[in-house]
Amino acid sequence: MSEAKQAKRYYIAGIVQGVGYRFFVQRVAQDLRLSGYVKNLFDGRVEVFAAGTIAQLAKLRKELERGPRLSSVSEVREEPAQTDPQYANGFVIDQSA
């Protein structure tokens, strides 16, 4: 029996653009077998949408707070989200911002 999947949206503030943060998140999410996306926002934050089990999302949150070596995370805001079939398989870097 597998745990039910849920989705969360995270907004990460600090020095998180131009330091490899999106690539870091993509690698962590893929290692955790999460689906979703990561993208830069125009206001300097990074947005992460991820779907997985409660345990997987808790591990992701911990890594988002840590970030890659050159980043400096000042805040991770988390909110529940609806699962999105568009992001059901795999984890991508969204280049739209």
Protein backbone atom coordinates (compact mmCIF):
# COMPACT_ATOMS: atom_id res chain seq x y z
CA MET A 1 0.00 0.00 0.00
CA SER A 2 1.50 3.35 -1.01
CA GLU A 3 1.00 6.66 0.71
CA ALA A 4 -1.38 9.13 -0.92
CA LYS A 5 0.25 11.90 -2.89
CA GLN A 6 -0.32 15.53 -2.15
CA ALA A 7 0.99 18.73 -3.67
CA LYS A 8 2.62 21.77 -2.12
CA ARG A 9 3.87 25.08 -3.40
CA TYR A 10 6.96 26.67 -1.86
CA TYR A 11 8.23 30.23 -2.19
CA ILE A 12 11.90 30.62 -1.34
CA ALA A 13 13.44 34.02 -0.59
CA GLY A 14 17.03 35.12 -0.09
CA ILE A 15 20.00 34.78 -2.42
CA VAL A 16 18.38 32.10 -4.57
CA GLN A 17 18.76 33.32 -8.15
CA GLY A 18 22.00 33.10 -10.09
CA VAL A 19 23.49 30.54 -7.67
CA GLY A 20 22.30 27.24 -9.19
CA TYR A 21 19.29 26.97 -6.90
CA ARG A 22 16.89 25.68 -9.59
CA PHE A 23 19.33 22.98 -10.69
CA PHE A 24 19.86 22.01 -7.04
CA VAL A 25 16.09 21.71 -6.50
CA GLN A 26 15.63 19.68 -9.67
CA ARG A 27 18.34 17.21 -8.62
CA VAL A 28 16.92 16.86 -5.08
CA ALA A 29 13.35 16.44 -6.39
CA GLN A 30 14.44 13.81 -8.90
CA ASP A 31 16.37 11.94 -6.18
CA LEU A 32 13.22 12.01 -4.02
CA ARG A 33 11.07 10.91 -7.00
CA LEU A 34 8.85 13.99 -6.80
CA SER A 35 7.01 15.51 -9.72
CA GLY A 36 6.54 19.22 -10.38
CA TYR A 37 8.62 22.23 -11.33
CA VAL A 38 10.92 24.96 -10.08
CA LYS A 39 11.13 28.47 -11.53
CA ASN A 40 12.50 31.93 -10.85
CA LEU A 41 10.01 34.68 -10.03
CA PHE A 42 10.35 38.29 -11.14
CA ASP A 43 10.58 39.48 -7.51
CA GLY A 44 13.80 37.52 -6.88
CA ARG A 45 12.22 34.51 -5.18
CA VAL A 46 12.06 30.94 -6.47
CA GLU A 47 8.79 29.00 -6.72
CA VAL A 48 8.65 25.21 -6.33
CA PHE A 49 5.59 23.10 -7.05
CA ALA A 50 6.01 19.50 -5.93
CA ALA A 51 3.78 16.43 -5.64
CA GLY A 52 4.67 13.41 -3.55
CA THR A 53 4.10 11.73 -0.21
CA ILE A 54 4.18 13.63 3.08
CA ALA A 55 7.60 12.12 3.85
CA GLN A 56 9.03 13.06 0.43
CA LEU A 57 7.75 16.63 0.74
CA ALA A 58 9.18 16.96 4.26
CA LYS A 59 12.62 15.94 2.95
CA LEU A 60 12.28 18.42 0.09
CA ARG A 61 11.40 21.23 2.51
CA LYS A 62 14.55 20.53 4.52
CA GLU A 63 16.68 20.71 1.37
CA LEU A 64 14.94 23.90 0.19
CA GLU A 65 15.90 25.54 3.49
CA ARG A 66 19.52 24.43 3.07
CA GLY A 67 19.93 25.27 -0.64
CA PRO A 68 23.11 24.89 -2.69
CA ARG A 69 26.48 26.12 -1.42
CA LEU A 70 26.33 29.64 -2.91
CA SER A 71 22.75 30.37 -1.87
CA SER A 72 21.53 32.04 1.30
CA VAL A 73 17.92 31.11 2.07
CA SER A 74 16.12 33.61 4.31
CA GLU A 75 12.59 32.16 4.10
CA VAL A 76 10.67 29.16 2.77
CA ARG A 77 6.93 29.76 2.64
CA GLU A 78 4.80 26.64 2.09
CA GLU A 79 1.17 26.30 1.06
CA PRO A 80 -1.05 23.42 0.01
CA ALA A 81 -1.71 23.06 -3.72
CA GLN A 82 -3.88 21.00 -6.03
CA THR A 83 -2.15 18.21 -7.91
CA ASP A 84 -1.65 19.10 -11.56
CA PRO A 85 -1.73 16.32 -14.20
CA GLN A 86 0.55 18.46 -16.39
CA TYR A 87 3.33 17.77 -13.87
CA ALA A 88 2.42 14.15 -13.05
CA ASN A 89 5.65 12.68 -14.41
CA GLY A 90 9.06 14.09 -13.65
CA PHE A 91 10.41 17.35 -12.30
CA VAL A 92 11.35 20.21 -14.62
CA ILE A 93 12.88 23.66 -14.57
CA ASP A 94 10.26 26.10 -15.84
CA GLN A 95 11.97 28.78 -17.94
CA SER A 96 8.92 31.08 -18.13
CA ALA A 97 10.20 33.74 -15.72
